Amino acid sequence: MKKPLVGALVTLLLTGATVTGVAAPATAATPAAAPAVAAKGGPKAKAVDFAGTVALSNCSGSVVRMPDSQPGDPALVMTNGHCLETGMPDAGEVVVDQPSSRTFSLLNSRGNSVGTLRASKIAYATMTDTDVALYELTTTYGQIEQSYGIDALELSATHPVAGTAISVVSGYWKRIYSCNIDGFVYRLKEGDWTWKDSVRYTSACDTIGGTSGSPVIDSASGKVVAVNNTGNEDGGTCTLNNPCEVDESGNVTVRQGINYAQQTYGITECVTTGNKIDLSLPGCTLPEPA
């Protein structure tokens, strides 16, 4: 899958084509702030802005904290596993504690860049069962708040609920997509990768390339419930940029134009004192290195 993706990225950069869920940014969107809009049929949306989100060189992300994170803890940036600067992890591959000096542009509520954050390492990354990367920064939450007046976004510790009004906040494009959680997918397959219990959006969240890694925020609580990662572009079945849904009986469903995210509540069970990832903690279900 890496070779076809590299080819797709080259084509994307040369032609300006849009590829949903792929790490390379699409050029079709206008990188200007768009206001969040309450999703139809859901609870009244809380105002969601860009504060705490980040722009990567090729994706979106956010500074996130656990429910028990402390001001003196090194901050974490969350994005997709497929957004790693080292390339996409293979199916079954898990990256832990890999040195990194990657930089992130920190945004304020209006979507303006207010500073640059730097990683010390990739604390955790995988595209197995989920599609997530967590970078540990050289700065603490307290230092970020003191320097920029920006708080980290908190990860919800509970499973999201279908029908919830959500906002997908792209730091790369400085754009907010608002819709509802349409439901959950037992298995979402794309090429060699399989993701579990994925979030399916209603059609209003028509995310594009470059939104990969965006936090998915519960509009009522303001907490992060998922990380945006893919969508079915062309109606293909289980191929690159064309994920398919697989139910418990093995039945396959293709929903062209529909986009997806990976839940993040499980991450909170895998972080211990000092904001350190500990995959041996009771309740932690994140994949471990082979």
C-alpha atoms as a PDB file:
ATOM      1  CA  MET A   1       0.000   0.000   0.000  1.00  0.00           C
ATOM      2  CA  LYS A   2       2.891   2.401   0.577  1.00  0.00           C
ATOM      3  CA  LYS A   3       3.998   2.432  -3.048  1.00  0.00           C
ATOM      4  CA  PRO A   4       0.533   3.150  -4.494  1.00  0.00           C
ATOM      5  CA  LEU A   5       0.048   5.825  -1.850  1.00  0.00           C
ATOM      6  CA  VAL A   6       3.343   7.504  -2.702  1.00  0.00           C
ATOM      7  CA  GLY A   7       2.236   7.566  -6.326  1.00  0.00           C
ATOM      8  CA  ALA A   8      -1.101   9.005  -5.309  1.00  0.00           C
ATOM      9  CA  LEU A   9       0.584  11.705  -3.284  1.00  0.00           C
ATOM     10  CA  VAL A  10       2.834  12.687  -6.175  1.00  0.00           C
ATOM     11  CA  THR A  11      -0.195  12.892  -8.449  1.00  0.00           C
ATOM     12  CA  LEU A  12      -2.027  14.906  -5.824  1.00  0.00           C
ATOM     13  CA  LEU A  13       0.771  17.435  -5.543  1.00  0.00           C
ATOM     14  CA  LEU A  14       1.148  17.766  -9.321  1.00  0.00           C
ATOM     15  CA  THR A  15      -2.517  17.946 -10.239  1.00  0.00           C
ATOM     16  CA  GLY A  16      -4.179  19.381  -7.154  1.00  0.00           C
ATOM     17  CA  ALA A  17      -6.579  16.447  -6.949  1.00  0.00           C
ATOM     18  CA  THR A  18      -8.465  15.846  -3.715  1.00  0.00           C
ATOM     19  CA  VAL A  19      -7.885  12.602  -1.804  1.00  0.00           C
ATOM     20  CA  THR A  20      -9.932  12.186   1.338  1.00  0.00           C
ATOM     21  CA  GLY A  21      -8.144  10.772   4.374  1.00  0.00           C
ATOM     22  CA  VAL A  22      -4.677  10.753   2.763  1.00  0.00           C
ATOM     23  CA  ALA A  23      -1.835  12.560   4.469  1.00  0.00           C
ATOM     24  CA  ALA A  24      -1.088  14.959   1.624  1.00  0.00           C
ATOM     25  CA  PRO A  25      -3.107  18.200   1.688  1.00  0.00           C
ATOM     26  CA  ALA A  26      -5.714  18.780  -0.968  1.00  0.00           C
ATOM     27  CA  THR A  27      -5.690  22.071  -2.836  1.00  0.00           C
ATOM     28  CA  ALA A  28      -9.385  22.296  -3.614  1.00  0.00           C
ATOM     29  CA  ALA A  29     -10.350  23.714  -0.239  1.00  0.00           C
ATOM     30  CA  THR A  30      -9.838  27.340   0.657  1.00  0.00           C
ATOM     31  CA  PRO A  31      -7.598  27.593   3.750  1.00  0.00           C
ATOM     32  CA  ALA A  32      -9.772  30.142   5.513  1.00  0.00           C
ATOM     33  CA  ALA A  33     -11.633  29.800   8.773  1.00  0.00           C
ATOM     34  CA  ALA A  34     -15.222  28.626   8.465  1.00  0.00           C
ATOM     35  CA  PRO A  35     -17.678  28.898  11.353  1.00  0.00           C
ATOM     36  CA  ALA A  36     -19.072  25.789  12.969  1.00  0.00           C
ATOM     37  CA  VAL A  37     -22.717  25.152  12.105  1.00  0.00           C
ATOM     38  CA  ALA A  38     -25.135  23.240  14.294  1.00  0.00           C
ATOM     39  CA  ALA A  39     -25.809  19.823  12.791  1.00  0.00           C
ATOM     40  CA  LYS A  40     -29.411  19.285  11.778  1.00  0.00           C
ATOM     41  CA  GLY A  41     -31.423  16.999  13.982  1.00  0.00           C
ATOM     42  CA  GLY A  42     -28.918  16.973  16.839  1.00  0.00           C
ATOM     43  CA  PRO A  43     -28.600  18.850  20.101  1.00  0.00           C
ATOM     44  CA  LYS A  44     -27.721  22.534  19.911  1.00  0.00           C
ATOM     45  CA  ALA A  45     -24.043  22.765  19.063  1.00  0.00           C
ATOM     46  CA  LYS A  46     -21.569  24.468  21.350  1.00  0.00           C
ATOM     47  CA  ALA A  47     -19.303  27.007  19.686  1.00  0.00           C
ATOM     48  CA  VAL A  48     -16.167  25.179  18.592  1.00  0.00           C
ATOM     49  CA  ASP A  49     -13.054  27.017  17.459  1.00  0.00           C
ATOM     50  CA  PHE A  50      -9.448  26.305  16.492  1.00  0.00           C
ATOM     51  CA  ALA A  51      -7.754  26.867  19.867  1.00  0.00           C
ATOM     52  CA  GLY A  52      -5.476  23.930  20.639  1.00  0.00           C
ATOM     53  CA  THR A  53      -5.453  22.536  17.120  1.00  0.00           C
ATOM     54  CA  VAL A  54      -2.231  22.319  15.118  1.00  0.00           C
ATOM     55  CA  ALA A  55      -1.176  22.254  11.492  1.00  0.00           C
ATOM     56  CA  LEU A  56       1.386  19.660  10.394  1.00  0.00           C
ATOM     57  CA  SER A  57       3.331  19.720   7.137  1.00  0.00           C
ATOM     58  CA  ASN A  58       0.804  17.342   5.581  1.00  0.00           C
ATOM     59  CA  CYS A  59      -2.070  16.842   8.046  1.00  0.00           C
ATOM     60  CA  SER A  60      -4.077  18.286  10.904  1.00  0.00           C
ATOM     61  CA  GLY A  61      -3.819  17.534  14.632  1.00  0.00           C
ATOM     62  CA  SER A  62      -4.373  18.850  18.126  1.00  0.00           C
ATOM     63  CA  VAL A  63      -2.711  19.269  21.501  1.00  0.00           C
ATOM     64  CA  VAL A  64      -4.559  16.794  23.712  1.00  0.00           C
ATOM     65  CA  ARG A  65      -4.648  15.976  27.384  1.00  0.00           C
ATOM     66  CA  MET A  66      -6.017  13.058  29.379  1.00  0.00           C
ATOM     67  CA  PRO A  67      -8.626  13.620  32.105  1.00  0.00           C
ATOM     68  CA  ASP A  68      -5.855  13.311  34.743  1.00  0.00           C
ATOM     69  CA  SER A  69      -3.043  15.134  32.918  1.00  0.00           C
ATOM     70  CA  GLN A  70      -1.225  17.765  34.997  1.00  0.00           C
ATOM     71  CA  PRO A  71       0.158  21.196  33.984  1.00  0.00           C
ATOM     72  CA  GLY A  72       3.715  19.958  34.467  1.00  0.00           C
ATOM     73  CA  ASP A  73       3.282  16.948  32.184  1.00  0.00           C
ATOM     74  CA  PRO A  74       4.885  17.002  28.725  1.00  0.00           C
ATOM     75  CA  ALA A  75       2.109  17.836  26.270  1.00  0.00           C
ATOM     76  CA  LEU A  76       0.927  15.430  23.573  1.00  0.00           C
ATOM     77  CA  VAL A  77      -0.051  16.152  19.974  1.00  0.00           C
ATOM     78  CA  MET A  78      -2.492  13.715  18.364  1.00  0.00           C
ATOM     79  CA  THR A  79      -2.842  13.053  14.641  1.00  0.00           C
ATOM     80  CA  ASN A  80      -3.191   9.960  12.416  1.00  0.00           C
ATOM     81  CA  GLY A  81      -0.728   7.115  12.212  1.00  0.00           C
ATOM     82  CA  HIS A  82      -0.721   7.587   8.448  1.00  0.00           C
ATOM     83  CA  CYS A  83       0.555  11.151   8.953  1.00  0.00           C
ATOM     84  CA  LEU A  84       3.927  10.062  10.398  1.00  0.00           C
ATOM     85  CA  GLU A  85       6.969  11.737   8.862  1.00  0.00           C
ATOM     86  CA  THR A  86       8.527   8.277   8.591  1.00  0.00           C
ATOM     87  CA  GLY A  87       5.706   6.959   6.406  1.00  0.00           C
ATOM     88  CA  MET A  88       2.626   4.883   7.082  1.00  0.00           C
ATOM     89  CA  PRO A  89       3.011   1.965   9.507  1.00  0.00           C
ATOM     90  CA  ASP A  90       2.383  -1.454   7.994  1.00  0.00           C
ATOM     91  CA  ALA A  91      -0.614  -3.484   9.106  1.00  0.00           C
ATOM     92  CA  GLY A  92       0.342  -4.968  12.465  1.00  0.00           C
ATOM     93  CA  GLU A  93       3.128  -2.446  13.075  1.00  0.00           C
ATOM     94  CA  VAL A  94       3.238  -0.382  16.273  1.00  0.00           C
ATOM     95  CA  VAL A  95       5.721   2.452  16.829  1.00  0.00           C
ATOM     96  CA  VAL A  96       6.684   3.411  20.385  1.00  0.00           C
ATOM     97  CA  ASP A  97       9.213   5.884  21.802  1.00  0.00           C
ATOM     98  CA  GLN A  98      10.825   6.769  18.488  1.00  0.00           C
ATOM     99  CA  PRO A  99      12.862  10.005  18.534  1.00  0.00           C
ATOM    100  CA  SER A 100      11.330  12.859  16.549  1.00  0.00           C
ATOM    101  CA  SER A 101      11.923  16.587  16.201  1.00  0.00           C
ATOM    102  CA  ARG A 102       8.805  17.264  14.150  1.00  0.00           C
ATOM    103  CA  THR A 103       7.271  20.724  14.478  1.00  0.00           C
ATOM    104  CA  PHE A 104       3.636  21.780  14.730  1.00  0.00           C
ATOM    105  CA  SER A 105       2.046  25.175  14.153  1.00  0.00           C
ATOM    106  CA  LEU A 106      -0.198  25.976  17.134  1.00  0.00           C
ATOM    107  CA  LEU A 107      -3.443  27.804  16.352  1.00  0.00           C
ATOM    108  CA  ASN A 108      -5.516  30.172  18.462  1.00  0.00           C
ATOM    109  CA  SER A 109      -9.314  30.379  18.496  1.00  0.00           C
ATOM    110  CA  ARG A 110      -9.399  32.382  15.244  1.00  0.00           C
ATOM    111  CA  GLY A 111      -7.184  29.913  13.409  1.00  0.00           C
ATOM    112  CA  ASN A 112      -4.101  32.101  13.476  1.00  0.00           C
ATOM    113  CA  SER A 113      -0.694  30.515  14.097  1.00  0.00           C
ATOM    114  CA  VAL A 114       0.701  31.772  17.399  1.00  0.00           C
ATOM    115  CA  GLY A 115       3.799  29.637  17.780  1.00  0.00           C
ATOM    116  CA  THR A 116       5.697  26.478  16.919  1.00  0.00           C
ATOM    117  CA  LEU A 117       5.714  23.374  19.090  1.00  0.00           C
ATOM    118  CA  ARG A 118       8.369  20.671  18.756  1.00  0.00           C
ATOM    119  CA  ALA A 119       8.231  16.945  19.410  1.00  0.00           C
ATOM    120  CA  SER A 120      10.814  15.032  21.403  1.00  0.00           C
ATOM    121  CA  LYS A 121       9.508  11.642  20.240  1.00  0.00           C
ATOM    122  CA  ILE A 122       6.707   9.658  18.699  1.00  0.00           C
ATOM    123  CA  ALA A 123       5.261   8.247  21.896  1.00  0.00           C
ATOM    124  CA  TYR A 124       2.866   5.898  20.099  1.00  0.00           C
ATOM    125  CA  ALA A 125       1.638   5.304  16.565  1.00  0.00           C
ATOM    126  CA  THR A 126      -0.173   2.598  14.663  1.00  0.00           C
ATOM    127  CA  MET A 127      -2.630   1.954  11.839  1.00  0.00           C
ATOM    128  CA  THR A 128      -3.777  -1.346  13.337  1.00  0.00           C
ATOM    129  CA  ASP A 129      -7.246  -1.401  14.966  1.00  0.00           C
ATOM    130  CA  THR A 130      -7.094   2.413  14.915  1.00  0.00           C
ATOM    131  CA  ASP A 131      -5.216   5.144  13.033  1.00  0.00           C
ATOM    132  CA  VAL A 132      -3.474   7.338  15.571  1.00  0.00           C
ATOM    133  CA  ALA A 133      -0.144   8.924  16.410  1.00  0.00           C
ATOM    134  CA  LEU A 134       0.764  10.628  19.688  1.00  0.00           C
ATOM    135  CA  TYR A 135       3.812  12.896  19.757  1.00  0.00           C
ATOM    136  CA  GLU A 136       5.353  13.890  23.082  1.00  0.00           C
ATOM    137  CA  LEU A 137       6.430  17.538  23.030  1.00  0.00           C
ATOM    138  CA  THR A 138       9.421  19.329  24.512  1.00  0.00           C
ATOM    139  CA  THR A 139       6.998  21.678  26.318  1.00  0.00           C
ATOM    140  CA  THR A 140       4.479  21.071  29.084  1.00  0.00           C
ATOM    141  CA  TYR A 141       0.803  21.962  29.126  1.00  0.00           C
ATOM    142  CA  GLY A 142       1.562  24.682  31.646  1.00  0.00           C
ATOM    143  CA  GLN A 143       4.259  26.208  29.447  1.00  0.00           C
ATOM    144  CA  ILE A 144       1.933  26.234  26.430  1.00  0.00           C
ATOM    145  CA  GLU A 145      -0.805  27.905  28.449  1.00  0.00           C
ATOM    146  CA  GLN A 146       1.621  30.472  29.894  1.00  0.00           C
ATOM    147  CA  SER A 147       3.222  31.285  26.531  1.00  0.00           C
ATOM    148  CA  TYR A 148       0.155  31.281  24.299  1.00  0.00           C
ATOM    149  CA  GLY A 149      -2.900  31.326  26.567  1.00  0.00           C
ATOM    150  CA  ILE A 150      -4.149  28.103  24.970  1.00  0.00           C
ATOM    151  CA  ASP A 151      -5.387  25.012  26.792  1.00  0.00           C
ATOM    152  CA  ALA A 152      -5.110  21.488  25.421  1.00  0.00           C
ATOM    153  CA  LEU A 153      -8.228  19.697  24.219  1.00  0.00           C
ATOM    154  CA  GLU A 154      -9.354  16.960  26.588  1.00  0.00           C
ATOM    155  CA  LEU A 155      -9.959  13.418  25.391  1.00  0.00           C
ATOM    156  CA  SER A 156     -13.305  12.042  26.490  1.00  0.00           C
ATOM    157  CA  ALA A 157     -12.953   8.861  28.541  1.00  0.00           C
ATOM    158  CA  THR A 158     -16.291   7.424  27.376  1.00  0.00           C
ATOM    159  CA  HIS A 159     -17.570   5.845  24.176  1.00  0.00           C
ATOM    160  CA  PRO A 160     -19.394   8.415  21.995  1.00  0.00           C
ATOM    161  CA  VAL A 161     -23.078   8.086  21.203  1.00  0.00           C
ATOM    162  CA  ALA A 162     -24.786   7.872  17.820  1.00  0.00           C
ATOM    163  CA  GLY A 163     -26.610  11.079  16.903  1.00  0.00           C
ATOM    164  CA  THR A 164     -24.158  13.300  18.798  1.00  0.00           C
ATOM    165  CA  ALA A 165     -23.441  16.662  17.172  1.00  0.00           C
ATOM    166  CA  ILE A 166     -19.732  16.870  16.343  1.00  0.00           C
ATOM    167  CA  SER A 167     -17.214  19.235  14.790  1.00  0.00           C
ATOM    168  CA  VAL A 168     -14.183  18.079  12.786  1.00  0.00           C
ATOM    169  CA  VAL A 169     -11.607  20.851  13.224  1.00  0.00           C
ATOM    170  CA  SER A 170      -8.841  20.979  10.616  1.00  0.00           C
ATOM    171  CA  GLY A 171      -5.781  22.941  11.650  1.00  0.00           C
ATOM    172  CA  TYR A 172      -4.248  22.460   8.204  1.00  0.00           C
ATOM    173  CA  TRP A 173      -7.119  24.052   6.302  1.00  0.00           C
ATOM    174  CA  LYS A 174      -8.405  26.187   9.187  1.00  0.00           C
ATOM    175  CA  ARG A 175     -11.825  24.799   8.471  1.00  0.00           C
ATOM    176  CA  ILE A 176     -14.532  23.320  10.691  1.00  0.00           C
ATOM    177  CA  TYR A 177     -16.947  20.654   9.477  1.00  0.00           C
ATOM    178  CA  SER A 178     -20.113  20.124  11.523  1.00  0.00           C
ATOM    179  CA  CYS A 179     -22.411  17.108  11.384  1.00  0.00           C
ATOM    180  CA  ASN A 180     -23.562  14.199  13.553  1.00  0.00           C
ATOM    181  CA  ILE A 181     -22.249  10.752  14.392  1.00  0.00           C
ATOM    182  CA  ASP A 182     -24.297   8.568  12.067  1.00  0.00           C
ATOM    183  CA  GLY A 183     -23.239   5.314  13.705  1.00  0.00           C
ATOM    184  CA  PHE A 184     -20.366   2.932  14.338  1.00  0.00           C
ATOM    185  CA  VAL A 185     -18.683   0.407  12.049  1.00  0.00           C
ATOM    186  CA  TYR A 186     -17.751  -3.023  13.393  1.00  0.00           C
ATOM    187  CA  ARG A 187     -14.752  -3.229  11.035  1.00  0.00           C
ATOM    188  CA  LEU A 188     -13.587  -0.645   8.524  1.00  0.00           C
ATOM    189  CA  LYS A 189     -11.181  -2.031   5.907  1.00  0.00           C
ATOM    190  CA  GLU A 190      -8.923  -0.014   3.622  1.00  0.00           C
ATOM    191  CA  GLY A 191      -6.251  -1.892   1.717  1.00  0.00           C
ATOM    192  CA  ASP A 192      -4.133  -3.861   4.186  1.00  0.00           C
ATOM    193  CA  TRP A 193      -5.510  -2.023   7.228  1.00  0.00           C
ATOM    194  CA  THR A 194      -8.500  -2.835   9.404  1.00  0.00           C
ATOM    195  CA  TRP A 195      -9.944  -0.474  12.047  1.00  0.00           C
ATOM    196  CA  LYS A 196     -12.352  -1.389  14.809  1.00  0.00           C
ATOM    197  CA  ASP A 197     -15.534   0.371  15.974  1.00  0.00           C
ATOM    198  CA  SER A 198     -14.981   3.334  13.651  1.00  0.00           C
ATOM    199  CA  VAL A 199     -17.120   6.467  13.741  1.00  0.00           C
ATOM    200  CA  ARG A 200     -19.214   7.100  10.620  1.00  0.00           C
ATOM    201  CA  TYR A 201     -20.240  10.708   9.957  1.00  0.00           C
ATOM    202  CA  THR A 202     -23.449  11.959   8.439  1.00  0.00           C
ATOM    203  CA  SER A 203     -22.865  13.359   4.939  1.00  0.00           C
ATOM    204  CA  ALA A 204     -22.434  16.990   6.056  1.00  0.00           C
ATOM    205  CA  CYS A 205     -18.862  16.232   7.186  1.00  0.00           C
ATOM    206  CA  ASP A 206     -17.445  16.022   3.654  1.00  0.00           C
ATOM    207  CA  THR A 207     -13.817  16.137   4.788  1.00  0.00           C
ATOM    208  CA  ILE A 208     -10.967  16.390   2.277  1.00  0.00           C
ATOM    209  CA  GLY A 209      -7.267  15.553   2.112  1.00  0.00           C
ATOM    210  CA  GLY A 210      -5.268  17.498   4.681  1.00  0.00           C
ATOM    211  CA  THR A 211      -8.000  17.073   7.310  1.00  0.00           C
ATOM    212  CA  SER A 212      -6.435  13.762   8.343  1.00  0.00           C
ATOM    213  CA  GLY A 213      -5.684  13.826  12.060  1.00  0.00           C
ATOM    214  CA  SER A 214      -8.253  16.506  12.876  1.00  0.00           C
ATOM    215  CA  PRO A 215      -9.836  16.185  16.311  1.00  0.00           C
ATOM    216  CA  VAL A 216     -13.504  15.226  16.289  1.00  0.00           C
ATOM    217  CA  ILE A 217     -15.089  17.293  19.040  1.00  0.00           C
ATOM    218  CA  ASP A 218     -18.374  16.653  20.832  1.00  0.00           C
ATOM    219  CA  SER A 219     -20.110  19.983  20.273  1.00  0.00           C
ATOM    220  CA  ALA A 220     -21.883  19.864  23.637  1.00  0.00           C
ATOM    221  CA  SER A 221     -19.002  18.856  25.926  1.00  0.00           C
ATOM    222  CA  GLY A 222     -16.102  20.307  23.950  1.00  0.00           C
ATOM    223  CA  LYS A 223     -14.181  17.050  24.445  1.00  0.00           C
ATOM    224  CA  VAL A 224     -12.417  15.051  21.745  1.00  0.00           C
ATOM    225  CA  VAL A 225     -14.181  11.774  20.920  1.00  0.00           C
ATOM    226  CA  ALA A 226     -12.312  10.670  17.780  1.00  0.00           C
ATOM    227  CA  VAL A 227      -9.620  11.490  15.235  1.00  0.00           C
ATOM    228  CA  ASN A 228     -10.618  12.024  11.583  1.00  0.00           C
ATOM    229  CA  ASN A 229      -8.906   9.615   9.195  1.00  0.00           C
ATOM    230  CA  THR A 230     -10.545   8.480   5.945  1.00  0.00           C
ATOM    231  CA  GLY A 231     -13.464   8.395   3.548  1.00  0.00           C
ATOM    232  CA  ASN A 232     -14.730   6.542   0.489  1.00  0.00           C
ATOM    233  CA  GLU A 233     -13.764   8.658  -2.526  1.00  0.00           C
ATOM    234  CA  ASP A 234     -14.732   6.707  -5.609  1.00  0.00           C
ATOM    235  CA  GLY A 235     -17.112   3.954  -4.531  1.00  0.00           C
ATOM    236  CA  GLY A 236     -14.371   1.321  -4.580  1.00  0.00           C
ATOM    237  CA  THR A 237     -14.490  -1.647  -2.240  1.00  0.00           C
ATOM    238  CA  CYS A 238     -11.888  -1.878   0.534  1.00  0.00           C
ATOM    239  CA  THR A 239      -9.148  -0.203  -1.532  1.00  0.00           C
ATOM    240  CA  LEU A 240      -6.897   2.785  -0.874  1.00  0.00           C
ATOM    241  CA  ASN A 241      -9.078   5.842  -0.198  1.00  0.00           C
ATOM    242  CA  ASN A 242     -12.155   3.628  -0.558  1.00  0.00           C
ATOM    243  CA  PRO A 243     -12.740   1.985   2.819  1.00  0.00           C
ATOM    244  CA  CYS A 244     -15.575  -0.499   3.154  1.00  0.00           C
ATOM    245  CA  GLU A 245     -17.692  -1.423   6.143  1.00  0.00           C
ATOM    246  CA  VAL A 246     -17.695  -5.046   7.310  1.00  0.00           C
ATOM    247  CA  ASP A 247     -20.296  -6.246   9.812  1.00  0.00           C
ATOM    248  CA  GLU A 248     -20.000  -9.102  12.308  1.00  0.00           C
ATOM    249  CA  SER A 249     -21.314 -11.562   9.722  1.00  0.00           C
ATOM    250  CA  GLY A 250     -18.763 -10.487   7.139  1.00  0.00           C
ATOM    251  CA  ASN A 251     -21.201  -8.532   4.978  1.00  0.00           C
ATOM    252  CA  VAL A 252     -19.550  -5.643   3.123  1.00  0.00           C
ATOM    253  CA  THR A 253     -21.131  -2.221   2.605  1.00  0.00           C
ATOM    254  CA  VAL A 254     -19.703   0.607   0.516  1.00  0.00           C
ATOM    255  CA  ARG A 255     -20.825   4.191   1.139  1.00  0.00           C
ATOM    256  CA  GLN A 256     -19.330   6.483  -1.472  1.00  0.00           C
ATOM    257  CA  GLY A 257     -18.752  10.023  -0.226  1.00  0.00           C
ATOM    258  CA  ILE A 258     -19.067   9.089   3.449  1.00  0.00           C
ATOM    259  CA  ASN A 259     -16.197   9.794   5.844  1.00  0.00           C
ATOM    260  CA  TYR A 260     -14.941   8.200   9.032  1.00  0.00           C
ATOM    261  CA  ALA A 261     -12.940   8.679  12.220  1.00  0.00           C
ATOM    262  CA  GLN A 262     -11.331   6.484  14.871  1.00  0.00           C
ATOM    263  CA  GLN A 263     -12.512   6.676  18.469  1.00  0.00           C
ATOM    264  CA  THR A 264     -10.057   7.961  21.065  1.00  0.00           C
ATOM    265  CA  TYR A 265     -11.614   7.165  24.449  1.00  0.00           C
ATOM    266  CA  GLY A 266      -9.503   4.010  24.718  1.00  0.00           C
ATOM    267  CA  ILE A 267      -6.303   6.057  24.705  1.00  0.00           C
ATOM    268  CA  THR A 268      -7.157   7.404  28.157  1.00  0.00           C
ATOM    269  CA  GLU A 269      -6.811   3.870  29.571  1.00  0.00           C
ATOM    270  CA  CYS A 270      -3.227   3.642  28.302  1.00  0.00           C
ATOM    271  CA  VAL A 271      -1.676   6.777  29.846  1.00  0.00           C
ATOM    272  CA  THR A 272      -0.122   6.818  33.292  1.00  0.00           C
ATOM    273  CA  THR A 273       1.542   9.345  35.588  1.00  0.00           C
ATOM    274  CA  GLY A 274       3.575  11.950  33.756  1.00  0.00           C
ATOM    275  CA  ASN A 275       1.521  11.492  30.584  1.00  0.00           C
ATOM    276  CA  LYS A 276       3.482   8.370  29.666  1.00  0.00           C
ATOM    277  CA  ILE A 277       2.029   5.690  27.399  1.00  0.00           C
ATOM    278  CA  ASP A 278       1.860   2.348  29.217  1.00  0.00           C
ATOM    279  CA  LEU A 279       0.322  -0.406  27.103  1.00  0.00           C
ATOM    280  CA  SER A 280       0.393  -2.834  30.050  1.00  0.00           C
ATOM    281  CA  LEU A 281      -2.159  -0.876  32.080  1.00  0.00           C
ATOM    282  CA  PRO A 282      -5.378  -2.710  32.993  1.00  0.00           C
ATOM    283  CA  GLY A 283      -8.065  -1.737  30.491  1.00  0.00           C
ATOM    284  CA  CYS A 284      -5.614  -0.617  27.802  1.00  0.00           C
ATOM    285  CA  THR A 285      -6.579  -2.195  24.476  1.00  0.00           C
ATOM    286  CA  LEU A 286      -4.228  -0.333  22.113  1.00  0.00           C
ATOM    287  CA  PRO A 287      -2.155  -2.762  20.013  1.00  0.00           C
ATOM    288  CA  GLU A 288       1.306  -3.551  21.365  1.00  0.00           C
ATOM    289  CA  PRO A 289       4.504  -3.948  19.335  1.00  0.00           C
ATOM    290  CA  ALA A 290       5.043  -7.475  18.020  1.00  0.00           C
END
